[in-house]
PDB file of all heavy atoms in Angstrom:
ATOM      1  N   GLY A   1      24.264 -73.197-137.262  1.00  0.00           N
ATOM      2  CA  GLY A   1      24.574 -74.475-136.636  1.00  0.00           C
ATOM      3  C   GLY A   1      23.768 -75.643-137.164  1.00  0.00           C
ATOM      4  O   GLY A   1      23.407 -76.554-136.409  1.00  0.00           O
ATOM      5  N   TRP A   2      23.493 -75.631-138.459  1.00  0.00           N
ATOM      6  CA  TRP A   2      22.658 -76.687-139.040  1.00  0.00           C
ATOM      7  C   TRP A   2      23.375 -78.039-139.107  1.00  0.00           C
ATOM      8  O   TRP A   2      22.773 -79.086-138.904  1.00  0.00           O
ATOM      9  CB  TRP A   2      22.233 -76.287-140.460  1.00  0.00           C
ATOM     10  CG  TRP A   2      21.134 -75.274-140.482  1.00  0.00           C
ATOM     11  CD1 TRP A   2      20.381 -74.876-139.428  1.00  0.00           C
ATOM     12  CD2 TRP A   2      20.672 -74.552-141.611  1.00  0.00           C
ATOM     13  NE1 TRP A   2      19.467 -73.929-139.821  1.00  0.00           N
ATOM     14  CE2 TRP A   2      19.619 -73.711-141.165  1.00  0.00           C
ATOM     15  CE3 TRP A   2      21.031 -74.509-142.947  1.00  0.00           C
ATOM     16  CZ2 TRP A   2      18.933 -72.857-142.016  1.00  0.00           C
ATOM     17  CZ3 TRP A   2      20.346 -73.662-143.807  1.00  0.00           C
ATOM     18  CH2 TRP A   2      19.306 -72.843-143.347  1.00  0.00           C
ATOM     19  N   THR A   3      24.669 -78.024-139.403  1.00  0.00           N
ATOM     20  CA  THR A   3      25.382 -79.251-139.742  1.00  0.00           C
ATOM     21  C   THR A   3      25.274 -80.315-138.653  1.00  0.00           C
ATOM     22  O   THR A   3      25.008 -81.491-138.934  1.00  0.00           O
ATOM     23  CB  THR A   3      26.866 -78.946-140.019  1.00  0.00           C
ATOM     24  OG1 THR A   3      26.962 -78.083-141.146  1.00  0.00           O
ATOM     25  CG2 THR A   3      27.633 -80.232-140.312  1.00  0.00           C
ATOM     26  N   LYS A   4      25.454 -79.927-137.408  1.00  0.00           N
ATOM     27  CA  LYS A   4      25.470 -80.938-136.349  1.00  0.00           C
ATOM     28  C   LYS A   4      24.110 -81.609-136.189  1.00  0.00           C
ATOM     29  O   LYS A   4      24.032 -82.793-135.846  1.00  0.00           O
ATOM     30  CB  LYS A   4      25.920 -80.317-135.025  1.00  0.00           C
ATOM     31  CG  LYS A   4      25.029 -79.210-134.491  1.00  0.00           C
ATOM     32  CD  LYS A   4      25.584 -78.698-133.160  1.00  0.00           C
ATOM     33  CE  LYS A   4      24.719 -77.573-132.601  1.00  0.00           C
ATOM     34  NZ  LYS A   4      25.249 -77.053-131.313  1.00  0.00           N
ATOM     35  N   TYR A   5      23.039 -80.867-136.476  1.00  0.00           N
ATOM     36  CA  TYR A   5      21.710 -81.478-136.369  1.00  0.00           C
ATOM     37  C   TYR A   5      21.401 -82.341-137.584  1.00  0.00           C
ATOM     38  O   TYR A   5      20.838 -83.432-137.461  1.00  0.00           O
ATOM     39  CB  TYR A   5      20.649 -80.388-136.199  1.00  0.00           C
ATOM     40  CG  TYR A   5      20.816 -79.592-134.932  1.00  0.00           C
ATOM     41  CD1 TYR A   5      21.298 -78.290-134.970  1.00  0.00           C
ATOM     42  CD2 TYR A   5      20.520 -80.150-133.693  1.00  0.00           C
ATOM     43  CE1 TYR A   5      21.460 -77.549-133.806  1.00  0.00           C
ATOM     44  CE2 TYR A   5      20.688 -79.419-132.518  1.00  0.00           C
ATOM     45  CZ  TYR A   5      21.158 -78.111-132.584  1.00  0.00           C
ATOM     46  OH  TYR A   5      21.311 -77.410-131.427  1.00  0.00           O
ATOM     47  N   ILE A   6      21.749 -81.851-138.782  1.00  0.00           N
ATOM     48  CA  ILE A   6      21.527 -82.630-139.995  1.00  0.00           C
ATOM     49  C   ILE A   6      22.355 -83.905-139.965  1.00  0.00           C
ATOM     50  O   ILE A   6      21.887 -84.994-140.304  1.00  0.00           O
ATOM     51  CB  ILE A   6      21.854 -81.796-141.253  1.00  0.00           C
ATOM     52  CG1 ILE A   6      20.882 -80.606-141.360  1.00  0.00           C
ATOM     53  CG2 ILE A   6      21.787 -82.647-142.499  1.00  0.00           C
ATOM     54  CD1 ILE A   6      21.205 -79.663-142.499  1.00  0.00           C
ATOM     55  N   ARG A   7      23.612 -83.779-139.527  1.00  0.00           N
ATOM     56  CA  ARG A   7      24.483 -84.950-139.472  1.00  0.00           C
ATOM     57  C   ARG A   7      23.947 -85.974-138.485  1.00  0.00           C
ATOM     58  O   ARG A   7      24.018 -87.181-138.722  1.00  0.00           O
ATOM     59  CB  ARG A   7      25.893 -84.500-139.074  1.00  0.00           C
ATOM     60  CG  ARG A   7      26.908 -85.626-139.013  1.00  0.00           C
ATOM     61  CD  ARG A   7      28.301 -85.073-138.796  1.00  0.00           C
ATOM     62  NE  ARG A   7      28.725 -84.265-139.932  1.00  0.00           N
ATOM     63  CZ  ARG A   7      29.782 -83.461-139.895  1.00  0.00           C
ATOM     64  NH1 ARG A   7      30.496 -83.351-138.797  1.00  0.00           N
ATOM     65  NH2 ARG A   7      30.105 -82.756-140.963  1.00  0.00           N
ATOM     66  N   LYS A   8      23.394 -85.505-137.371  1.00  0.00           N
ATOM     67  CA  LYS A   8      22.846 -86.427-136.378  1.00  0.00           C
ATOM     68  C   LYS A   8      21.704 -87.238-136.958  1.00  0.00           C
ATOM     69  O   LYS A   8      21.514 -88.405-136.622  1.00  0.00           O
ATOM     70  CB  LYS A   8      22.367 -85.639-135.157  1.00  0.00           C
ATOM     71  CG  LYS A   8      21.875 -86.506-134.011  1.00  0.00           C
ATOM     72  CD  LYS A   8      21.451 -85.668-132.824  1.00  0.00           C
ATOM     73  CE  LYS A   8      22.635 -84.937-132.222  1.00  0.00           C
ATOM     74  NZ  LYS A   8      22.242 -84.221-130.974  1.00  0.00           N
ATOM     75  N   VAL A   9      20.922 -86.610-137.873  1.00  0.00           N
ATOM     76  CA  VAL A   9      19.784 -87.305-138.474  1.00  0.00           C
ATOM     77  C   VAL A   9      20.243 -88.272-139.554  1.00  0.00           C
ATOM     78  O   VAL A   9      19.862 -89.449-139.557  1.00  0.00           O
ATOM     79  CB  VAL A   9      18.771 -86.294-139.053  1.00  0.00           C
ATOM     80  CG1 VAL A   9      17.680 -87.020-139.819  1.00  0.00           C
ATOM     81  CG2 VAL A   9      18.163 -85.456-137.938  1.00  0.00           C
ATOM     82  N   VAL A  10      21.066 -87.792-140.491  1.00  0.00           N
ATOM     83  CA  VAL A  10      21.415 -88.619-141.653  1.00  0.00           C
ATOM     84  C   VAL A  10      22.465 -89.681-141.333  1.00  0.00           C
ATOM     85  O   VAL A  10      22.563 -90.688-142.042  1.00  0.00           O
ATOM     86  CB  VAL A  10      21.904 -87.744-142.830  1.00  0.00           C
ATOM     87  CG1 VAL A  10      20.832 -86.783-143.254  1.00  0.00           C
ATOM     88  CG2 VAL A  10      23.191 -87.015-142.480  1.00  0.00           C
ATOM     89  N   GLU A  11      23.229 -89.491-140.269  1.00  0.00           N
ATOM     90  CA  GLU A  11      24.277 -90.451-139.948  1.00  0.00           C
ATOM     91  C   GLU A  11      23.946 -91.288-138.710  1.00  0.00           C
ATOM     92  O   GLU A  11      24.806 -92.018-138.210  1.00  0.00           O
ATOM     93  CB  GLU A  11      25.613 -89.730-139.743  1.00  0.00           C
ATOM     94  CG  GLU A  11      26.156 -89.078-141.007  1.00  0.00           C
ATOM     95  CD  GLU A  11      27.511 -88.423-140.774  1.00  0.00           C
ATOM     96  OE1 GLU A  11      27.989 -88.431-139.610  1.00  0.00           O
ATOM     97  OE2 GLU A  11      28.092 -87.912-141.754  1.00  0.00           O
ATOM     98  N   HIS A  12      22.705 -91.191-138.224  1.00  0.00           N
ATOM     99  CA  HIS A  12      22.372 -91.979-137.039  1.00  0.00           C
ATOM    100  C   HIS A  12      22.499 -93.462-137.360  1.00  0.00           C
ATOM    101  O   HIS A  12      22.134 -93.905-138.452  1.00  0.00           O
ATOM    102  CB  HIS A  12      20.965 -91.637-136.540  1.00  0.00           C
ATOM    103  CG  HIS A  12      19.859 -92.184-137.384  1.00  0.00           C
ATOM    104  ND1 HIS A  12      19.435 -91.567-138.528  1.00  0.00           N
ATOM    105  CD2 HIS A  12      19.096 -93.299-137.244  1.00  0.00           C
ATOM    106  CE1 HIS A  12      18.453 -92.271-139.071  1.00  0.00           C
ATOM    107  NE2 HIS A  12      18.228 -93.322-138.308  1.00  0.00           N
ATOM    108  N   PRO A  13      23.026 -94.239-136.420  1.00  0.00           N
ATOM    109  CA  PRO A  13      23.274 -95.667-136.699  1.00  0.00           C
ATOM    110  C   PRO A  13      21.977 -96.457-136.786  1.00  0.00           C
ATOM    111  O   PRO A  13      21.008 -96.184-136.082  1.00  0.00           O
ATOM    112  CB  PRO A  13      24.120 -96.108-135.507  1.00  0.00           C
ATOM    113  CG  PRO A  13      23.768 -95.160-134.408  1.00  0.00           C
ATOM    114  CD  PRO A  13      23.473 -93.846-135.078  1.00  0.00           C
ATOM    115  N   VAL A  14      21.983 -97.446-137.657  1.00  0.00           N
ATOM    116  CA  VAL A  14      20.823 -98.318-137.845  1.00  0.00           C
ATOM    117  C   VAL A  14      21.305 -99.764-137.784  1.00  0.00           C
ATOM    118  O   VAL A  14      22.500-100.040-137.919  1.00  0.00           O
ATOM    119  CB  VAL A  14      20.131 -98.046-139.198  1.00  0.00           C
ATOM    120  CG1 VAL A  14      19.616 -96.616-139.262  1.00  0.00           C
ATOM    121  CG2 VAL A  14      21.073 -98.326-140.362  1.00  0.00           C
ATOM    122  N   PRO A  15      20.395-100.712-137.582  1.00  0.00           N
ATOM    123  CA  PRO A  15      20.796-102.130-137.560  1.00  0.00           C
ATOM    124  C   PRO A  15      21.470-102.523-138.863  1.00  0.00           C
ATOM    125  O   PRO A  15      21.139-102.004-139.941  1.00  0.00           O
ATOM    126  CB  PRO A  15      19.471-102.863-137.362  1.00  0.00           C
ATOM    127  CG  PRO A  15      18.600-101.877-136.650  1.00  0.00           C
ATOM    128  CD  PRO A  15      18.978-100.545-137.215  1.00  0.00           C
ATOM    129  N   PRO A  16      22.406-103.466-138.818  1.00  0.00           N
ATOM    130  CA  PRO A  16      23.203-103.804-140.003  1.00  0.00           C
ATOM    131  C   PRO A  16      22.440-104.555-141.083  1.00  0.00           C
ATOM    132  O   PRO A  16      22.859-104.564-142.243  1.00  0.00           O
ATOM    133  CB  PRO A  16      24.319-104.680-139.427  1.00  0.00           C
ATOM    134  CG  PRO A  16      23.714-105.306-138.204  1.00  0.00           C
ATOM    135  CD  PRO A  16      22.801-104.258-137.632  1.00  0.00           C
ATOM    136  N   ASN A  17      21.326-105.165-140.729  1.00  0.00           N
ATOM    137  CA  ASN A  17      20.633-106.019-141.705  1.00  0.00           C
ATOM    138  C   ASN A  17      19.317-105.429-142.195  1.00  0.00           C
ATOM    139  O   ASN A  17      18.418-106.162-142.595  1.00  0.00           O
ATOM    140  CB  ASN A  17      20.392-107.407-141.115  1.00  0.00           C
ATOM    141  CG  ASN A  17      19.730-107.338-139.729  1.00  0.00           C
ATOM    142  OD1 ASN A  17      19.653-106.261-139.136  1.00  0.00           O
ATOM    143  ND2 ASN A  17      19.274-108.466-139.229  1.00  0.00           N
ATOM    144  N   VAL A  18      19.187-104.094-142.167  1.00  0.00           N
ATOM    145  CA  VAL A  18      17.993-103.491-142.759  1.00  0.00           C
ATOM    146  C   VAL A  18      17.989-103.786-144.258  1.00  0.00           C
ATOM    147  O   VAL A  18      19.044-103.851-144.895  1.00  0.00           O
ATOM    148  CB  VAL A  18      17.938-101.964-142.507  1.00  0.00           C
ATOM    149  CG1 VAL A  18      17.740-101.673-141.043  1.00  0.00           C
ATOM    150  CG2 VAL A  18      19.199-101.281-143.023  1.00  0.00           C
ATOM    151  N   ASN A  19      16.806-103.961-144.832  1.00  0.00           N
ATOM    152  CA  ASN A  19      16.717-104.418-146.223  1.00  0.00           C
ATOM    153  C   ASN A  19      15.786-103.522-147.024  1.00  0.00           C
ATOM    154  O   ASN A  19      15.426-102.415-146.597  1.00  0.00           O
ATOM    155  CB  ASN A  19      16.253-105.872-146.264  1.00  0.00           C
ATOM    156  CG  ASN A  19      14.994-106.084-145.420  1.00  0.00           C
ATOM    157  OD1 ASN A  19      14.044-105.282-145.485  1.00  0.00           O
ATOM    158  ND2 ASN A  19      14.973-107.143-144.619  1.00  0.00           N
ATOM    159  N   TRP A  20      15.374-104.019-148.190  1.00  0.00           N
ATOM    160  CA  TRP A  20      14.572-103.214-149.110  1.00  0.00           C
ATOM    161  C   TRP A  20      13.182-102.898-148.567  1.00  0.00           C
ATOM    162  O   TRP A  20      12.538-101.966-149.037  1.00  0.00           O
ATOM    163  CB  TRP A  20      14.447-103.931-150.455  1.00  0.00           C
ATOM    164  CG  TRP A  20      15.742-103.964-151.217  1.00  0.00           C
ATOM    165  CD1 TRP A  20      16.653-104.971-151.248  1.00  0.00           C
ATOM    166  CD2 TRP A  20      16.270-102.920-152.041  1.00  0.00           C
ATOM    167  NE1 TRP A  20      17.724-104.638-152.044  1.00  0.00           N
ATOM    168  CE2 TRP A  20      17.506-103.379-152.553  1.00  0.00           C
ATOM    169  CE3 TRP A  20      15.827-101.656-152.400  1.00  0.00           C
ATOM    170  CZ2 TRP A  20      18.298-102.613-153.394  1.00  0.00           C
ATOM    171  CZ3 TRP A  20      16.617-100.881-153.252  1.00  0.00           C
ATOM    172  CH2 TRP A  20      17.832-101.360-153.734  1.00  0.00           C
ATOM    173  N   TRP A  21      12.698-103.679-147.601  1.00  0.00           N
ATOM    174  CA  TRP A  21      11.383-103.388-147.036  1.00  0.00           C
ATOM    175  C   TRP A  21      11.375-102.100-146.223  1.00  0.00           C
ATOM    176  O   TRP A  21      10.307-101.592-145.886  1.00  0.00           O
ATOM    177  CB  TRP A  21      10.920-104.556-146.161  1.00  0.00           C
ATOM    178  CG  TRP A  21      10.465-105.738-146.949  1.00  0.00           C
ATOM    179  CD1 TRP A  21      11.084-106.945-147.053  1.00  0.00           C
ATOM    180  CD2 TRP A  21       9.286-105.835-147.753  1.00  0.00           C
ATOM    181  NE1 TRP A  21      10.375-107.784-147.873  1.00  0.00           N
ATOM    182  CE2 TRP A  21       9.260-107.129-148.320  1.00  0.00           C
ATOM    183  CE3 TRP A  21       8.241-104.959-148.061  1.00  0.00           C
ATOM    184  CZ2 TRP A  21       8.239-107.558-149.159  1.00  0.00           C
ATOM    185  CZ3 TRP A  21       7.226-105.380-148.892  1.00  0.00           C
ATOM    186  CH2 TRP A  21       7.234-106.669-149.437  1.00  0.00           C
ATOM    187  N   TYR A  22      12.547-101.582-145.920  1.00  0.00           N
ATOM    188  CA  TYR A  22      12.631-100.397-145.064  1.00  0.00           C
ATOM    189  C   TYR A  22      12.653 -99.082-145.850  1.00  0.00           C
ATOM    190  O   TYR A  22      12.832 -98.024-145.263  1.00  0.00           O
ATOM    191  CB  TYR A  22      13.889-100.481-144.190  1.00  0.00           C
ATOM    192  CG  TYR A  22      13.758-101.436-143.025  1.00  0.00           C
ATOM    193  CD1 TYR A  22      13.814-102.813-143.220  1.00  0.00           C
ATOM    194  CD2 TYR A  22      13.582-100.970-141.736  1.00  0.00           C
ATOM    195  CE1 TYR A  22      13.695-103.699-142.159  1.00  0.00           C
ATOM    196  CE2 TYR A  22      13.456-101.834-140.665  1.00  0.00           C
ATOM    197  CZ  TYR A  22      13.509-103.200-140.881  1.00  0.00           C
ATOM    198  OH  TYR A  22      13.390-104.068-139.821  1.00  0.00           O
ATOM    199  N   VAL A  23      12.495 -99.148-147.150  1.00  0.00           N
ATOM    200  CA  VAL A  23      12.663 -97.943-147.972  1.00  0.00           C
ATOM    201  C   VAL A  23      11.371 -97.141-148.140  1.00  0.00           C
ATOM    202  O   VAL A  23      11.408 -95.990-148.591  1.00  0.00           O
ATOM    203  CB  VAL A  23      13.208 -98.305-149.369  1.00  0.00           C
ATOM    204  CG1 VAL A  23      14.511 -99.075-149.243  1.00  0.00           C
ATOM    205  CG2 VAL A  23      12.187 -99.123-150.159  1.00  0.00           C
ATOM    206  N   PHE A  24      10.216 -97.714-147.803  1.00  0.00           N
ATOM    207  CA  PHE A  24       8.962 -97.088-148.181  1.00  0.00           C
ATOM    208  C   PHE A  24       8.604 -95.871-147.325  1.00  0.00           C
ATOM    209  O   PHE A  24       7.832 -95.015-147.758  1.00  0.00           O
ATOM    210  CB  PHE A  24       7.839 -98.118-148.134  1.00  0.00           C
ATOM    211  CG  PHE A  24       8.005 -99.208-149.155  1.00  0.00           C
ATOM    212  CD1 PHE A  24       8.489-100.452-148.799  1.00  0.00           C
ATOM    213  CD2 PHE A  24       7.722 -98.966-150.489  1.00  0.00           C
ATOM    214  CE1 PHE A  24       8.661-101.447-149.743  1.00  0.00           C
ATOM    215  CE2 PHE A  24       7.895 -99.947-151.444  1.00  0.00           C
ATOM    216  CZ  PHE A  24       8.373-101.191-151.064  1.00  0.00           C
ATOM    217  N   GLY A  25       9.151 -95.781-146.128  1.00  0.00           N
ATOM    218  CA  GLY A  25       8.908 -94.589-145.318  1.00  0.00           C
ATOM    219  C   GLY A  25       9.554 -93.365-145.936  1.00  0.00           C
ATOM    220  O   GLY A  25       8.908 -92.321-146.119  1.00  0.00           O
ATOM    221  N   SER A  26      10.844 -93.480-146.283  1.00  0.00           N
ATOM    222  CA  SER A  26      11.531 -92.345-146.907  1.00  0.00           C
ATOM    223  C   SER A  26      10.980 -92.068-148.301  1.00  0.00           C
ATOM    224  O   SER A  26      10.919 -90.910-148.746  1.00  0.00           O
ATOM    225  CB  SER A  26      13.030 -92.613-146.980  1.00  0.00           C
ATOM    226  OG  SER A  26      13.293 -93.805-147.688  1.00  0.00           O
ATOM    227  N   ALA A  27      10.549 -93.126-149.019  1.00  0.00           N
ATOM    228  CA  ALA A  27       9.951 -92.917-150.341  1.00  0.00           C
ATOM    229  C   ALA A  27       8.661 -92.115-150.223  1.00  0.00           C
ATOM    230  O   ALA A  27       8.368 -91.250-151.066  1.00  0.00           O
ATOM    231  CB  ALA A  27       9.673 -94.261-151.009  1.00  0.00           C
ATOM    232  N   THR A  28       7.878 -92.379-149.181  1.00  0.00           N
ATOM    233  CA  THR A  28       6.657 -91.598-148.956  1.00  0.00           C
ATOM    234  C   THR A  28       6.993 -90.140-148.688  1.00  0.00           C
ATOM    235  O   THR A  28       6.305 -89.227-149.170  1.00  0.00           O
ATOM    236  CB  THR A  28       5.865 -92.176-147.764  1.00  0.00           C
ATOM    237  OG1 THR A  28       5.603 -93.559-147.996  1.00  0.00           O
ATOM    238  CG2 THR A  28       4.555 -91.445-147.588  1.00  0.00           C
ATOM    239  N   LEU A  29       8.046 -89.907-147.912  1.00  0.00           N
ATOM    240  CA  LEU A  29       8.471 -88.529-147.634  1.00  0.00           C
ATOM    241  C   LEU A  29       8.872 -87.810-148.911  1.00  0.00           C
ATOM    242  O   LEU A  29       8.504 -86.647-149.126  1.00  0.00           O
ATOM    243  CB  LEU A  29       9.634 -88.548-146.643  1.00  0.00           C
ATOM    244  CG  LEU A  29      10.268 -87.187-146.320  1.00  0.00           C
ATOM    245  CD1 LEU A  29       9.242 -86.237-145.729  1.00  0.00           C
ATOM    246  CD2 LEU A  29      11.461 -87.364-145.375  1.00  0.00           C
TER     247      LEU A  29
END
């Protein structure tokens, strides 16, 4: 049952105007 949990994480909605300043958290990961 991985798909429903993975999909919930990767497809969770975010604000429409997120920009390049928001990339450094995932880049650190």
